[in-house]
Amino acid sequence: MDAKGELVRTVMLQNQGVLELNTRELPAGLYLLTVAGASFSTKLTVQR
């Protein structure tokens, strides 16, 4: 989600492991990354 709380992107994981998140299409700003099914969320800052 972006800083306004709007959903920006949803990614479905095929298997457990590492996810590489391409942020090239995202404008600079603050985002909240949440993993459904797990108690995990973190802030992500995209700078240009």
PDB file of N, CA and C in Angstrom:
ATOM      1  N   MET A   1       0.842  -1.176   0.000  1.00  0.00           N
ATOM      2  CA  MET A   1       0.000   0.000   0.000  1.00  0.00           C
ATOM      3  C   MET A   1       0.888   1.240   0.000  1.00  0.00           C
ATOM      4  N   ASP A   2       0.348   2.303  -0.569  1.00  0.00           N
ATOM      5  CA  ASP A   2       1.103   3.549  -0.547  1.00  0.00           C
ATOM      6  C   ASP A   2       0.806   4.305   0.746  1.00  0.00           C
ATOM      7  N   ALA A   3       1.368   5.478   0.878  1.00  0.00           N
ATOM      8  CA  ALA A   3       1.217   6.262   2.108  1.00  0.00           C
ATOM      9  C   ALA A   3      -0.228   6.686   2.350  1.00  0.00           C
ATOM     10  N   LYS A   4      -1.070   6.678   1.310  1.00  0.00           N
ATOM     11  CA  LYS A   4      -2.489   7.031   1.444  1.00  0.00           C
ATOM     12  C   LYS A   4      -3.340   5.838   1.863  1.00  0.00           C
ATOM     13  N   GLY A   5      -2.733   4.636   1.905  1.00  0.00           N
ATOM     14  CA  GLY A   5      -3.465   3.426   2.257  1.00  0.00           C
ATOM     15  C   GLY A   5      -4.098   2.739   1.067  1.00  0.00           C
ATOM     16  N   GLU A   6      -3.737   3.171  -0.142  1.00  0.00           N
ATOM     17  CA  GLU A   6      -4.289   2.568  -1.354  1.00  0.00           C
ATOM     18  C   GLU A   6      -3.422   1.389  -1.799  1.00  0.00           C
ATOM     19  N   LEU A   7      -4.084   0.312  -2.203  1.00  0.00           N
ATOM     20  CA  LEU A   7      -3.371  -0.871  -2.678  1.00  0.00           C
ATOM     21  C   LEU A   7      -2.658  -0.548  -3.984  1.00  0.00           C
ATOM     22  N   VAL A   8      -1.370  -0.828  -4.031  1.00  0.00           N
ATOM     23  CA  VAL A   8      -0.555  -0.532  -5.206  1.00  0.00           C
ATOM     24  C   VAL A   8      -0.304  -1.797  -6.009  1.00  0.00           C
ATOM     25  N   ARG A   9      -0.009  -2.891  -5.322  1.00  0.00           N
ATOM     26  CA  ARG A   9       0.343  -4.128  -6.019  1.00  0.00           C
ATOM     27  C   ARG A   9       0.071  -5.318  -5.118  1.00  0.00           C
ATOM     28  N   THR A  10      -0.318  -6.427  -5.748  1.00  0.00           N
ATOM     29  CA  THR A  10      -0.472  -7.709  -5.054  1.00  0.00           C
ATOM     30  C   THR A  10       0.386  -8.734  -5.791  1.00  0.00           C
ATOM     31  N   VAL A  11       1.156  -9.497  -5.047  1.00  0.00           N
ATOM     32  CA  VAL A  11       2.028 -10.513  -5.629  1.00  0.00           C
ATOM     33  C   VAL A  11       1.704 -11.840  -4.960  1.00  0.00           C
ATOM     34  N   MET A  12       1.444 -12.863  -5.761  1.00  0.00           N
ATOM     35  CA  MET A  12       1.188 -14.205  -5.231  1.00  0.00           C
ATOM     36  C   MET A  12       2.494 -14.987  -5.242  1.00  0.00           C
ATOM     37  N   LEU A  13       2.851 -15.548  -4.100  1.00  0.00           N
ATOM     38  CA  LEU A  13       4.064 -16.354  -4.005  1.00  0.00           C
ATOM     39  C   LEU A  13       3.767 -17.778  -4.427  1.00  0.00           C
ATOM     40  N   GLN A  14       4.630 -18.339  -5.261  1.00  0.00           N
ATOM     41  CA  GLN A  14       4.460 -19.702  -5.733  1.00  0.00           C
ATOM     42  C   GLN A  14       5.046 -20.721  -4.762  1.00  0.00           C
ATOM     43  N   ASN A  15       6.093 -20.340  -4.085  1.00  0.00           N
ATOM     44  CA  ASN A  15       6.715 -21.235  -3.118  1.00  0.00           C
ATOM     45  C   ASN A  15       7.390 -20.395  -2.042  1.00  0.00           C
ATOM     46  N   GLN A  16       7.800 -21.019  -0.985  1.00  0.00           N
ATOM     47  CA  GLN A  16       8.443 -20.299   0.096  1.00  0.00           C
ATOM     48  C   GLN A  16       9.875 -19.968  -0.289  1.00  0.00           C
ATOM     49  N   GLY A  17      10.350 -18.864   0.181  1.00  0.00           N
ATOM     50  CA  GLY A  17      11.724 -18.486  -0.125  1.00  0.00           C
ATOM     51  C   GLY A  17      11.855 -16.984  -0.225  1.00  0.00           C
ATOM     52  N   VAL A  18      12.689 -16.553  -1.135  1.00  0.00           N
ATOM     53  CA  VAL A  18      13.006 -15.139  -1.294  1.00  0.00           C
ATOM     54  C   VAL A  18      12.186 -14.552  -2.433  1.00  0.00           C
ATOM     55  N   LEU A  19      11.637 -13.383  -2.208  1.00  0.00           N
ATOM     56  CA  LEU A  19      10.900 -12.663  -3.239  1.00  0.00           C
ATOM     57  C   LEU A  19      11.693 -11.423  -3.615  1.00  0.00           C
ATOM     58  N   GLU A  20      11.997 -11.273  -4.896  1.00  0.00           N
ATOM     59  CA  GLU A  20      12.627 -10.054  -5.375  1.00  0.00           C
ATOM     60  C   GLU A  20      11.515  -9.137  -5.869  1.00  0.00           C
ATOM     61  N   LEU A  21      11.443  -7.966  -5.281  1.00  0.00           N
ATOM     62  CA  LEU A  21      10.392  -7.010  -5.593  1.00  0.00           C
ATOM     63  C   LEU A  21      10.956  -5.909  -6.474  1.00  0.00           C
ATOM     64  N   ASN A  22      10.478  -5.807  -7.709  1.00  0.00           N
ATOM     65  CA  ASN A  22      10.923  -4.783  -8.641  1.00  0.00           C
ATOM     66  C   ASN A  22      10.186  -3.485  -8.321  1.00  0.00           C
ATOM     67  N   THR A  23      10.921  -2.449  -7.960  1.00  0.00           N
ATOM     68  CA  THR A  23      10.303  -1.172  -7.591  1.00  0.00           C
ATOM     69  C   THR A  23      10.463  -0.117  -8.679  1.00  0.00           C
ATOM     70  N   ARG A  24      10.942  -0.506  -9.852  1.00  0.00           N
ATOM     71  CA  ARG A  24      11.169   0.463 -10.931  1.00  0.00           C
ATOM     72  C   ARG A  24       9.899   1.201 -11.342  1.00  0.00           C
ATOM     73  N   GLU A  25       8.769   0.537 -11.280  1.00  0.00           N
ATOM     74  CA  GLU A  25       7.509   1.144 -11.722  1.00  0.00           C
ATOM     75  C   GLU A  25       6.849   1.983 -10.632  1.00  0.00           C
ATOM     76  N   LEU A  26       7.375   1.913  -9.416  1.00  0.00           N
ATOM     77  CA  LEU A  26       6.774   2.659  -8.314  1.00  0.00           C
ATOM     78  C   LEU A  26       7.350   4.062  -8.232  1.00  0.00           C
ATOM     79  N   PRO A  27       6.503   5.059  -8.048  1.00  0.00           N
ATOM     80  CA  PRO A  27       7.029   6.408  -7.828  1.00  0.00           C
ATOM     81  C   PRO A  27       7.729   6.479  -6.468  1.00  0.00           C
ATOM     82  N   ALA A  28       8.622   7.441  -6.326  1.00  0.00           N
ATOM     83  CA  ALA A  28       9.296   7.640  -5.045  1.00  0.00           C
ATOM     84  C   ALA A  28       8.253   7.865  -3.965  1.00  0.00           C
ATOM     85  N   GLY A  29       8.508   7.316  -2.790  1.00  0.00           N
ATOM     86  CA  GLY A  29       7.578   7.504  -1.682  1.00  0.00           C
ATOM     87  C   GLY A  29       7.706   6.407  -0.647  1.00  0.00           C
ATOM     88  N   LEU A  30       6.808   6.442   0.310  1.00  0.00           N
ATOM     89  CA  LEU A  30       6.779   5.484   1.402  1.00  0.00           C
ATOM     90  C   LEU A  30       5.675   4.468   1.150  1.00  0.00           C
ATOM     91  N   TYR A  31       5.979   3.188   1.354  1.00  0.00           N
ATOM     92  CA  TYR A  31       5.032   2.107   1.119  1.00  0.00           C
ATOM     93  C   TYR A  31       5.005   1.179   2.327  1.00  0.00           C
ATOM     94  N   LEU A  32       3.909   0.453   2.491  1.00  0.00           N
ATOM     95  CA  LEU A  32       3.784  -0.554   3.530  1.00  0.00           C
ATOM     96  C   LEU A  32       3.689  -1.908   2.859  1.00  0.00           C
ATOM     97  N   LEU A  33       4.619  -2.782   3.169  1.00  0.00           N
ATOM     98  CA  LEU A  33       4.660  -4.132   2.614  1.00  0.00           C
ATOM     99  C   LEU A  33       4.100  -5.079   3.667  1.00  0.00           C
ATOM    100  N   THR A  34       3.050  -5.818   3.329  1.00  0.00           N
ATOM    101  CA  THR A  34       2.410  -6.752   4.243  1.00  0.00           C
ATOM    102  C   THR A  34       2.378  -8.136   3.614  1.00  0.00           C
ATOM    103  N   VAL A  35       2.682  -9.156   4.418  1.00  0.00           N
ATOM    104  CA  VAL A  35       2.628 -10.540   3.949  1.00  0.00           C
ATOM    105  C   VAL A  35       1.386 -11.185   4.548  1.00  0.00           C
ATOM    106  N   ALA A  36       0.418 -11.529   3.686  1.00  0.00           N
ATOM    107  CA  ALA A  36      -0.815 -12.170   4.140  1.00  0.00           C
ATOM    108  C   ALA A  36      -0.506 -13.574   4.649  1.00  0.00           C
ATOM    109  N   GLY A  37      -1.183 -13.984   5.707  1.00  0.00           N
ATOM    110  CA  GLY A  37      -0.975 -15.308   6.277  1.00  0.00           C
ATOM    111  C   GLY A  37       0.182 -15.348   7.247  1.00  0.00           C
ATOM    112  N   ALA A  38       0.840 -14.211   7.411  1.00  0.00           N
ATOM    113  CA  ALA A  38       1.942 -14.113   8.367  1.00  0.00           C
ATOM    114  C   ALA A  38       1.809 -12.781   9.097  1.00  0.00           C
ATOM    115  N   SER A  39       2.320 -12.733  10.265  1.00  0.00           N
ATOM    116  CA  SER A  39       2.268 -11.495  11.046  1.00  0.00           C
ATOM    117  C   SER A  39       3.484 -10.647  10.713  1.00  0.00           C
ATOM    118  N   PHE A  40       3.571 -10.210   9.479  1.00  0.00           N
ATOM    119  CA  PHE A  40       4.740  -9.449   9.039  1.00  0.00           C
ATOM    120  C   PHE A  40       4.315  -8.267   8.205  1.00  0.00           C
ATOM    121  N   SER A  41       4.843  -7.106   8.542  1.00  0.00           N
ATOM    122  CA  SER A  41       4.718  -5.923   7.701  1.00  0.00           C
ATOM    123  C   SER A  41       5.933  -5.044   7.953  1.00  0.00           C
ATOM    124  N   THR A  42       6.307  -4.294   6.949  1.00  0.00           N
ATOM    125  CA  THR A  42       7.465  -3.410   7.062  1.00  0.00           C
ATOM    126  C   THR A  42       7.273  -2.205   6.152  1.00  0.00           C
ATOM    127  N   LYS A  43       7.956  -1.127   6.484  1.00  0.00           N
ATOM    128  CA  LYS A  43       7.916   0.058   5.648  1.00  0.00           C
ATOM    129  C   LYS A  43       8.982  -0.086   4.568  1.00  0.00           C
ATOM    130  N   LEU A  44       8.665   0.420   3.390  1.00  0.00           N
ATOM    131  CA  LEU A  44       9.571   0.383   2.243  1.00  0.00           C
ATOM    132  C   LEU A  44       9.647   1.799   1.680  1.00  0.00           C
ATOM    133  N   THR A  45      10.840   2.325   1.589  1.00  0.00           N
ATOM    134  CA  THR A  45      11.025   3.657   1.013  1.00  0.00           C
ATOM    135  C   THR A  45      11.657   3.522  -0.358  1.00  0.00           C
ATOM    136  N   VAL A  46      11.013   4.116  -1.365  1.00  0.00           N
ATOM    137  CA  VAL A  46      11.546   4.120  -2.724  1.00  0.00           C
ATOM    138  C   VAL A  46      12.066   5.535  -2.982  1.00  0.00           C
ATOM    139  N   GLN A  47      13.371   5.610  -3.279  1.00  0.00           N
ATOM    140  CA  GLN A  47      14.005   6.909  -3.564  1.00  0.00           C
ATOM    141  C   GLN A  47      14.518   6.908  -4.980  1.00  0.00           C
ATOM    142  N   ARG A  48      14.417   8.021  -5.627  1.00  0.00           N
ATOM    143  CA  ARG A  48      14.927   8.190  -7.001  1.00  0.00           C
ATOM    144  C   ARG A  48      15.982   9.270  -7.014  1.00  0.00           C
TER     145      ARG A  48
END
